[in-house]
Amino acid sequence: MLTNLKDKKVLVRVDFNVPLNADHQITDDTRMRKALPTIKALQDQGAAIILMSHLGRPQKKRLEDGSIDVSKFTLRHLVEHLSSLTDTAVQFAKDCGGEESILMSRDLKGGQILLLENTRFDAGESKGDTDFAGRLASLADVYINDAFGTAHRAHSSTTTVAEFFEPQNKSFGLLMQDEIANAKKILNSPKRPCTAIFGGAKVSDKIKLIERFINFADTIIIGGGMAYTFIKAQEGSIGDSLVEDSHLDLAKDLINKAKEYDVNLLIPEDSIIADKFAADAKTQCVDSNTIPDGWMGLDVGPKALKAFEPAILNAQSIIWNGPLGVFEMEAFSKGTMSIAKMVAAASQKGAFSLVGGGDSVSAINASGLADQVSFISTGGGAMLEFLEGKKLPGIKAIEGE
């Protein structure tokens, strides 16, 4: 990150897209806490800090009269907690790149923090609008992108704004640096054996990720709803489990490719099944390829977990993206929580572990083991695309081609 920023105005793109309850209270401040090292480092240098972030999708969730629901999506909800986290009286501008932002930025002193209103209140944000980016850039001498979670979006505040700063006046923040460095540990020089754990609902969401890891992982574990597409592709009976029939041939190809590359592809041997998608459903454990009609697989079973265990505990590099079941419901949480324990145990033995993807992060946090894995990514879609090998717009804007 840049240094020698005393009394400089520094525009920092953070990812404060945190979940709020019905009373607009923050229910998980992980993303805010992850930004603190960069904010603290800038304060220590005596920089005047101008923070900008989005919150939700206000343009897509307008009120009946077509207006933006400011009361729901305003970043004002974050000011009090951010002040507490930074031990600083955070100032708030009611616009983003407008008159109030300009005036408040002009008066901002070294060590002070100004939070701008939601970047997505401006319709130009998601379009990468140059005029909006220019107004943002005019607020500061330096631009720092510390929002890895939005690095895959070519938005005004994440990408276009960087065009207004010379190379020596723009950089990544400490979080972005960590995100990139840790992802590259898995992609470029993984210690062996390397185990990849992929869950989630759809194969279609993880095709490129699975294909990429087949090239170098030693073991790939498949769980979650997408496992049943693989099971059906092998002529298994999956009852009413989630399946993508249009991707059955692709699943077969991935199975064959894993064999060709001598990758140990592990698909759940058994499943916890339910007669409906509900917390109070009737459940039973059956082999994953003999699920009766009217029942659906919602978690991996004990035989599957026993098969997964050595591949995780003996690994030296682990990537985990996506839960292995509907872990939000206690009856179907054992698989995902067991994986969390295994990943944590392997990490404590010396393995490097990267947990990425929103639901995986929620799961590791819920397990109480977040401090026992090597690195937790703040990027959901961004981490997914980075691991797939894509050059993210937010990274390209700082590094160049």
Protein backbone atom coordinates (compact mmCIF):
# COMPACT_ATOMS: atom_id res chain seq x y z
CA MET A 1 0.00 0.00 0.00
CA LEU A 2 1.11 3.60 -0.59
CA THR A 3 3.04 5.46 2.09
CA ASN A 4 3.97 9.10 2.80
CA LEU A 5 0.33 10.18 2.76
CA LYS A 6 0.40 12.75 5.57
CA ASP A 7 -2.34 15.35 5.02
CA LYS A 8 -3.24 13.75 1.69
CA LYS A 9 -6.88 13.19 0.84
CA VAL A 10 -7.22 9.44 0.26
CA LEU A 11 -10.30 7.98 -1.43
CA VAL A 12 -10.74 4.38 -0.30
CA ARG A 13 -13.20 1.93 -1.87
CA VAL A 14 -14.18 -0.47 0.90
CA ASP A 15 -16.75 -3.26 0.92
CA PHE A 16 -19.21 -2.41 3.67
CA ASN A 17 -22.04 -4.40 2.07
CA VAL A 18 -22.98 -5.88 5.43
CA PRO A 19 -26.24 -7.63 6.36
CA LEU A 20 -28.78 -5.60 8.32
CA ASN A 21 -31.85 -6.78 10.22
CA ALA A 22 -35.32 -5.23 10.02
CA ASP A 23 -34.22 -2.53 12.48
CA HIS A 24 -31.22 -1.68 10.28
CA GLN A 25 -28.78 -3.14 12.80
CA ILE A 26 -25.64 -4.85 11.52
CA THR A 27 -25.85 -8.63 12.01
CA ASP A 28 -22.33 -9.46 10.75
CA ASP A 29 -19.59 -6.80 10.67
CA THR A 30 -16.87 -9.06 9.22
CA ARG A 31 -16.37 -6.92 6.14
CA MET A 32 -16.06 -3.76 8.20
CA ARG A 33 -13.52 -5.32 10.55
CA LYS A 34 -11.51 -6.62 7.60
CA ALA A 35 -11.08 -3.03 6.36
CA LEU A 36 -9.69 -1.79 9.69
CA PRO A 37 -5.98 -2.52 9.03
CA THR A 38 -6.02 -0.28 5.95
CA ILE A 39 -7.97 2.46 7.71
CA LYS A 40 -5.66 2.31 10.74
CA ALA A 41 -2.54 2.38 8.55
CA LEU A 42 -3.82 5.48 6.77
CA GLN A 43 -4.65 7.17 10.07
CA ASP A 44 -1.16 6.39 11.37
CA GLN A 45 0.25 8.15 8.30
CA GLY A 46 -1.91 11.21 8.97
CA ALA A 47 -4.05 10.83 5.86
CA ALA A 48 -7.56 12.28 5.54
CA ILE A 49 -9.69 9.24 4.74
CA ILE A 50 -12.74 9.30 2.45
CA LEU A 51 -14.53 5.95 2.45
CA MET A 52 -17.02 4.83 -0.17
CA SER A 53 -19.01 1.62 -0.47
CA HIS A 54 -22.21 0.17 -1.81
CA LEU A 55 -24.91 -1.45 0.32
CA GLY A 56 -27.40 -3.82 -1.30
CA ARG A 57 -29.01 -3.22 -4.68
CA PRO A 58 -31.09 -0.05 -4.30
CA GLN A 59 -31.49 0.47 -8.05
CA LYS A 60 -33.10 -2.96 -8.44
CA LYS A 61 -35.30 -2.68 -5.35
CA ARG A 62 -36.97 0.67 -5.86
CA LEU A 63 -40.17 1.69 -4.08
CA GLU A 64 -43.56 1.56 -5.82
CA ASP A 65 -43.23 5.19 -6.93
CA GLY A 66 -39.90 4.38 -8.57
CA SER A 67 -37.75 6.17 -5.99
CA ILE A 68 -34.78 4.69 -4.16
CA ASP A 69 -35.46 3.37 -0.67
CA VAL A 70 -32.93 5.58 1.08
CA SER A 71 -34.06 4.57 4.56
CA LYS A 72 -33.23 0.92 3.84
CA PHE A 73 -29.99 1.29 1.89
CA THR A 74 -28.32 4.34 3.41
CA LEU A 75 -24.81 3.90 4.80
CA ARG A 76 -25.81 6.16 7.67
CA HIS A 77 -26.79 2.91 9.42
CA LEU A 78 -23.09 2.05 9.63
CA VAL A 79 -21.70 5.30 11.02
CA GLU A 80 -22.10 4.59 14.73
CA HIS A 81 -20.55 1.13 14.53
CA LEU A 82 -17.74 2.32 12.28
CA SER A 83 -16.99 5.10 14.75
CA SER A 84 -16.74 2.48 17.49
CA LEU A 85 -14.51 0.18 15.44
CA THR A 86 -12.11 2.98 14.46
CA ASP A 87 -12.31 4.90 17.74
CA THR A 88 -12.95 7.96 15.57
CA ALA A 89 -16.00 10.20 15.18
CA VAL A 90 -16.82 9.24 11.60
CA GLN A 91 -18.38 12.00 9.53
CA PHE A 92 -21.12 11.22 7.01
CA ALA A 93 -21.94 12.87 3.68
CA LYS A 94 -25.52 12.56 2.49
CA ASP A 95 -24.38 12.24 -1.12
CA CYS A 96 -21.62 10.50 -3.03
CA GLY A 97 -19.56 12.85 -5.16
CA GLY A 98 -22.08 15.66 -4.79
CA GLU A 99 -21.89 19.10 -3.20
CA GLU A 100 -21.87 17.89 0.40
CA SER A 101 -19.14 15.33 -0.33
CA ILE A 102 -17.03 18.02 -1.98
CA LEU A 103 -17.39 20.47 0.89
CA MET A 104 -16.79 17.90 3.62
CA SER A 105 -13.82 16.37 1.81
CA ARG A 106 -12.26 19.79 1.38
CA ASP A 107 -12.37 20.40 5.13
CA LEU A 108 -11.24 16.92 6.15
CA LYS A 109 -8.05 16.84 8.23
CA GLY A 110 -5.39 14.18 8.66
CA GLY A 111 -6.62 11.20 10.69
CA GLN A 112 -10.28 12.07 10.19
CA ILE A 113 -12.74 9.76 8.41
CA LEU A 114 -15.57 10.69 6.08
CA LEU A 115 -18.05 8.06 4.90
CA LEU A 116 -19.90 8.85 1.68
CA GLU A 117 -23.46 7.78 0.94
CA ASN A 118 -24.15 4.53 -0.95
CA THR A 119 -22.32 4.55 -4.30
CA ARG A 120 -25.23 2.66 -5.87
CA PHE A 121 -27.63 5.51 -5.23
CA ASP A 122 -26.06 6.92 -8.41
CA ALA A 123 -27.36 5.07 -11.47
CA GLY A 124 -24.00 5.54 -13.17
CA GLU A 125 -22.15 3.38 -10.63
CA SER A 126 -22.97 -0.02 -12.10
CA LYS A 127 -22.43 1.29 -15.64
CA GLY A 128 -18.87 2.39 -14.93
CA ASP A 129 -19.94 5.95 -15.71
CA THR A 130 -16.98 8.26 -16.35
CA ASP A 131 -18.69 11.43 -15.12
CA PHE A 132 -19.60 9.83 -11.78
CA ALA A 133 -16.09 8.41 -11.45
CA GLY A 134 -14.63 11.82 -12.18
CA ARG A 135 -16.68 13.45 -9.43
CA LEU A 136 -15.46 10.82 -6.99
CA ALA A 137 -11.85 11.24 -8.09
CA SER A 138 -12.05 15.02 -7.61
CA LEU A 139 -12.43 14.48 -3.86
CA ALA A 140 -8.93 13.12 -3.29
CA ASP A 141 -5.24 13.07 -4.15
CA VAL A 142 -4.91 9.30 -3.93
CA TYR A 143 -7.13 6.28 -4.66
CA ILE A 144 -6.95 2.97 -2.80
CA ASN A 145 -9.10 -0.03 -3.65
CA ASP A 146 -9.57 -2.32 -0.65
CA ALA A 147 -12.86 -3.89 -1.78
CA PHE A 148 -11.94 -7.33 -3.08
CA GLY A 149 -15.57 -8.41 -2.85
CA THR A 150 -16.48 -6.04 -5.70
CA ALA A 151 -13.26 -6.36 -7.73
CA HIS A 152 -15.09 -8.41 -10.36
CA ARG A 153 -17.41 -5.48 -11.11
CA ALA A 154 -16.32 -2.81 -13.60
CA HIS A 155 -18.15 -0.13 -11.64
CA SER A 156 -17.31 3.56 -11.36
CA SER A 157 -16.04 3.34 -7.78
CA THR A 158 -14.06 0.12 -8.26
CA THR A 159 -12.58 0.49 -11.73
CA THR A 160 -13.31 3.66 -13.73
CA VAL A 161 -12.24 6.00 -10.91
CA ALA A 162 -8.72 4.57 -11.02
CA GLU A 163 -8.27 6.01 -14.52
CA PHE A 164 -8.19 9.51 -12.99
CA PHE A 165 -5.09 8.76 -10.88
CA GLU A 166 -1.48 8.35 -11.97
CA PRO A 167 0.11 4.96 -11.20
CA GLN A 168 2.04 6.40 -8.26
CA ASN A 169 -1.21 7.71 -6.74
CA LYS A 170 -3.27 4.53 -6.69
CA SER A 171 -2.82 1.16 -5.04
CA PHE A 172 -4.49 -1.77 -3.34
CA GLY A 173 -5.30 -1.63 0.35
CA LEU A 174 -3.91 -4.18 2.80
CA LEU A 175 -6.98 -6.43 2.53
CA MET A 176 -6.84 -6.54 -1.27
CA GLN A 177 -3.14 -7.34 -1.10
CA ASP A 178 -3.86 -10.22 1.28
CA GLU A 179 -6.75 -11.53 -0.82
CA ILE A 180 -4.64 -11.62 -3.99
CA ALA A 181 -1.56 -13.07 -2.29
CA ASN A 182 -3.50 -15.85 -0.55
CA ALA A 183 -5.45 -16.84 -3.65
CA LYS A 184 -2.19 -17.04 -5.58
CA LYS A 185 -0.80 -19.45 -2.96
CA ILE A 186 -3.47 -21.92 -4.01
CA LEU A 187 -3.35 -21.17 -7.74
CA ASN A 188 0.38 -20.80 -8.38
CA SER A 189 2.27 -22.85 -5.83
CA PRO A 190 0.02 -25.13 -3.75
CA LYS A 191 1.77 -27.45 -1.32
CA ARG A 192 0.91 -31.09 -1.93
CA PRO A 193 -1.41 -32.79 -1.51
CA CYS A 194 -3.95 -30.15 -2.56
CA THR A 195 -7.64 -30.70 -1.77
CA ALA A 196 -10.47 -28.61 -3.21
CA ILE A 197 -13.92 -28.71 -1.57
CA PHE A 198 -16.77 -27.38 -3.69
CA GLY A 199 -20.37 -27.13 -2.57
CA GLY A 200 -23.40 -25.06 -3.35
CA ALA A 201 -26.58 -25.54 -5.31
CA LYS A 202 -25.61 -25.60 -8.98
CA VAL A 203 -22.91 -27.22 -11.08
CA SER A 204 -23.38 -24.38 -13.57
CA ASP A 205 -22.05 -21.91 -10.98
CA LYS A 206 -18.86 -23.91 -10.44
CA ILE A 207 -18.05 -25.40 -13.87
CA LYS A 208 -15.02 -23.25 -14.59
CA LEU A 209 -13.77 -23.60 -11.04
CA ILE A 210 -13.96 -27.40 -11.11
CA GLU A 211 -12.34 -27.53 -14.55
CA ARG A 212 -9.47 -25.33 -13.39
CA PHE A 213 -8.80 -27.36 -10.26
CA ILE A 214 -8.91 -30.66 -12.12
CA ASN A 215 -5.71 -29.42 -13.74
CA PHE A 216 -3.74 -29.39 -10.49
CA ALA A 217 -5.68 -30.53 -7.40
CA ASP A 218 -5.00 -33.99 -5.97
CA THR A 219 -8.52 -34.39 -4.58
CA ILE A 220 -11.78 -32.64 -5.41
CA ILE A 221 -14.73 -33.07 -3.03
CA ILE A 222 -18.18 -32.29 -4.40
CA GLY A 223 -21.09 -31.57 -2.06
CA GLY A 224 -24.23 -29.52 -1.78
CA GLY A 225 -27.11 -29.62 -4.23
CA MET A 226 -24.80 -29.82 -7.23
CA ALA A 227 -23.62 -33.29 -6.14
CA TYR A 228 -26.91 -34.78 -7.31
CA THR A 229 -26.27 -33.74 -10.90
CA PHE A 230 -23.08 -35.83 -10.74
CA ILE A 231 -24.93 -38.72 -9.08
CA LYS A 232 -27.71 -38.72 -11.69
CA ALA A 233 -25.08 -38.52 -14.43
CA GLN A 234 -23.82 -41.88 -13.12
CA GLU A 235 -27.32 -43.38 -13.37
CA GLY A 236 -28.12 -42.88 -9.68
CA SER A 237 -31.69 -42.41 -8.42
CA ILE A 238 -31.88 -39.01 -6.69
CA GLY A 239 -35.61 -38.67 -5.99
CA ASP A 240 -36.63 -35.01 -5.82
CA SER A 241 -33.12 -33.72 -5.14
CA LEU A 242 -31.91 -30.60 -6.87
CA VAL A 243 -30.54 -31.41 -10.31
CA GLU A 244 -29.53 -29.60 -13.49
CA ASP A 245 -30.57 -32.01 -16.22
CA SER A 246 -29.04 -29.75 -18.86
CA HIS A 247 -25.63 -30.32 -17.26
CA LEU A 248 -25.63 -34.10 -16.96
CA ASP A 249 -23.29 -34.55 -19.93
CA LEU A 250 -20.98 -31.92 -18.49
CA ALA A 251 -20.92 -33.76 -15.16
CA LYS A 252 -19.96 -36.96 -17.00
CA ASP A 253 -17.19 -35.08 -18.81
CA LEU A 254 -15.83 -33.72 -15.52
CA ILE A 255 -15.88 -37.21 -13.98
CA ASN A 256 -13.97 -38.59 -16.97
CA LYS A 257 -11.55 -35.67 -16.98
CA ALA A 258 -10.79 -36.24 -13.29
CA LYS A 259 -9.93 -39.87 -14.10
CA GLU A 260 -7.76 -38.74 -17.01
CA TYR A 261 -5.81 -36.34 -14.77
CA ASP A 262 -5.66 -38.88 -11.93
CA VAL A 263 -7.63 -36.58 -9.62
CA ASN A 264 -9.45 -38.23 -6.73
CA LEU A 265 -13.01 -36.97 -7.31
CA LEU A 266 -15.16 -37.64 -4.23
CA ILE A 267 -18.93 -37.47 -4.56
CA PRO A 268 -21.09 -38.12 -1.45
CA GLU A 269 -21.61 -41.84 -0.95
CA ASP A 270 -24.63 -41.26 1.27
CA SER A 271 -27.01 -38.42 2.04
CA ILE A 272 -29.30 -37.11 4.72
CA ILE A 273 -32.61 -36.86 2.89
CA ALA A 274 -35.89 -35.13 3.72
CA ASP A 275 -39.51 -35.40 2.63
CA LYS A 276 -39.69 -31.62 2.19
CA PHE A 277 -37.44 -28.58 2.20
CA ALA A 278 -38.11 -27.53 5.77
CA ALA A 279 -36.46 -27.55 9.18
CA ASP A 280 -39.14 -29.87 10.56
CA ALA A 281 -39.04 -32.37 7.69
CA LYS A 282 -38.84 -36.11 8.25
CA THR A 283 -35.29 -37.31 7.61
CA GLN A 284 -33.37 -40.49 6.97
CA CYS A 285 -29.92 -41.49 5.77
CA VAL A 286 -29.61 -43.48 2.52
CA ASP A 287 -27.06 -44.15 -0.18
CA SER A 288 -26.96 -41.12 -2.46
CA ASN A 289 -27.82 -43.15 -5.56
CA THR A 290 -30.96 -44.74 -4.04
CA ILE A 291 -32.99 -41.71 -2.94
CA PRO A 292 -36.72 -42.54 -3.25
CA ASP A 293 -39.23 -40.37 -5.06
CA GLY A 294 -40.71 -37.67 -2.85
CA TRP A 295 -37.44 -37.28 -0.93
CA MET A 296 -34.53 -34.92 -1.50
CA GLY A 297 -30.89 -34.85 -0.43
CA LEU A 298 -30.15 -31.90 1.85
CA ASP A 299 -26.84 -32.92 3.46
CA VAL A 300 -23.99 -35.39 3.10
CA GLY A 301 -24.12 -38.53 5.23
CA PRO A 302 -21.65 -40.17 7.65
CA LYS A 303 -20.09 -42.50 5.06
CA ALA A 304 -19.38 -39.52 2.82
CA LEU A 305 -17.78 -37.60 5.68
CA LYS A 306 -15.63 -40.61 6.57
CA ALA A 307 -14.42 -40.77 2.95
CA PHE A 308 -13.71 -37.03 2.86
CA GLU A 309 -11.80 -36.94 6.15
CA PRO A 310 -8.37 -38.31 5.09
CA ALA A 311 -8.35 -36.17 1.95
CA ILE A 312 -8.78 -33.07 4.12
CA LEU A 313 -6.73 -33.98 7.19
CA ASN A 314 -3.74 -35.12 5.11
CA ALA A 315 -3.82 -32.12 2.76
CA GLN A 316 -1.19 -29.40 2.77
CA SER A 317 -3.30 -26.97 0.71
CA ILE A 318 -7.09 -26.64 0.95
CA ILE A 319 -9.60 -24.47 -0.88
CA TRP A 320 -13.21 -24.54 0.33
CA ASN A 321 -15.96 -22.83 -1.65
CA GLY A 322 -19.59 -23.60 -0.90
CA PRO A 323 -21.47 -25.48 1.85
CA LEU A 324 -22.12 -29.22 1.61
CA GLY A 325 -25.71 -29.03 2.75
CA VAL A 326 -28.48 -26.71 3.86
CA PHE A 327 -26.47 -25.76 6.93
CA GLU A 328 -28.86 -22.97 7.91
CA MET A 329 -31.23 -25.72 9.10
CA GLU A 330 -29.83 -27.63 12.07
CA ALA A 331 -31.02 -31.00 10.77
CA PHE A 332 -28.87 -30.56 7.66
CA SER A 333 -25.86 -28.74 9.11
CA LYS A 334 -23.70 -31.67 10.26
CA GLY A 335 -21.94 -32.14 6.92
CA THR A 336 -20.88 -28.53 6.53
CA MET A 337 -19.92 -28.16 10.20
CA SER A 338 -17.89 -31.39 10.03
CA ILE A 339 -16.02 -30.05 7.01
CA ALA A 340 -15.32 -26.84 8.96
CA LYS A 341 -13.82 -28.90 11.79
CA MET A 342 -11.70 -30.94 9.38
CA VAL A 343 -10.39 -27.85 7.56
CA ALA A 344 -9.57 -26.20 10.90
CA ALA A 345 -7.81 -29.35 12.16
CA ALA A 346 -5.73 -29.63 8.99
CA SER A 347 -4.82 -25.95 9.24
CA GLN A 348 -3.69 -26.37 12.83
CA LYS A 349 -1.42 -29.20 11.65
CA GLY A 350 0.22 -26.86 9.15
CA ALA A 351 -1.94 -26.94 6.02
CA PHE A 352 -2.69 -23.69 4.20
CA SER A 353 -6.46 -23.24 3.96
CA LEU A 354 -8.44 -20.67 2.01
CA VAL A 355 -12.17 -20.37 2.68
CA GLY A 356 -14.00 -18.31 0.07
CA GLY A 357 -17.59 -17.74 -0.99
CA GLY A 358 -20.29 -16.07 1.08
CA ASP A 359 -21.97 -19.22 2.38
CA SER A 360 -18.67 -20.90 3.19
CA VAL A 361 -17.63 -17.87 5.19
CA SER A 362 -20.97 -17.86 7.01
CA ALA A 363 -20.49 -21.54 7.78
CA ILE A 364 -16.95 -21.20 9.14
CA ASN A 365 -18.08 -18.23 11.24
CA ALA A 366 -21.06 -20.21 12.55
CA SER A 367 -18.76 -23.09 13.46
CA GLY A 368 -16.70 -20.85 15.75
CA LEU A 369 -13.53 -21.98 13.98
CA ALA A 370 -12.84 -18.92 11.83
CA ASP A 371 -9.65 -18.13 13.74
CA GLN A 372 -8.30 -21.64 13.11
CA VAL A 373 -8.12 -21.53 9.32
CA SER A 374 -5.40 -19.76 7.33
CA PHE A 375 -7.39 -17.18 5.40
CA ILE A 376 -11.06 -16.26 4.97
CA SER A 377 -11.85 -14.35 1.80
CA THR A 378 -14.30 -11.46 1.84
CA GLY A 379 -15.00 -12.00 -1.84
CA GLY A 380 -17.82 -14.27 -2.98
CA GLY A 381 -18.17 -13.85 -6.73
CA ALA A 382 -14.84 -12.05 -6.92
CA MET A 383 -12.93 -14.93 -5.33
CA LEU A 384 -14.78 -17.39 -7.55
CA GLU A 385 -13.80 -15.52 -10.71
CA PHE A 386 -10.22 -14.97 -9.52
CA LEU A 387 -9.80 -18.70 -8.81
CA GLU A 388 -11.26 -19.43 -12.25
CA GLY A 389 -8.33 -17.49 -13.67
CA LYS A 390 -10.12 -14.33 -14.75
CA LYS A 391 -8.41 -10.95 -14.57
CA LEU A 392 -10.75 -8.90 -12.39
CA PRO A 393 -11.53 -5.31 -13.52
CA GLY A 394 -10.81 -3.87 -10.06
CA ILE A 395 -7.38 -5.50 -10.02
CA LYS A 396 -6.57 -4.62 -13.62
CA ALA A 397 -7.42 -0.97 -12.90
CA ILE A 398 -4.56 -0.81 -10.37
CA GLU A 399 -2.04 -3.22 -11.90
CA GLY A 400 -2.65 -2.38 -15.55
CA GLU A 401 -2.73 -5.05 -18.26
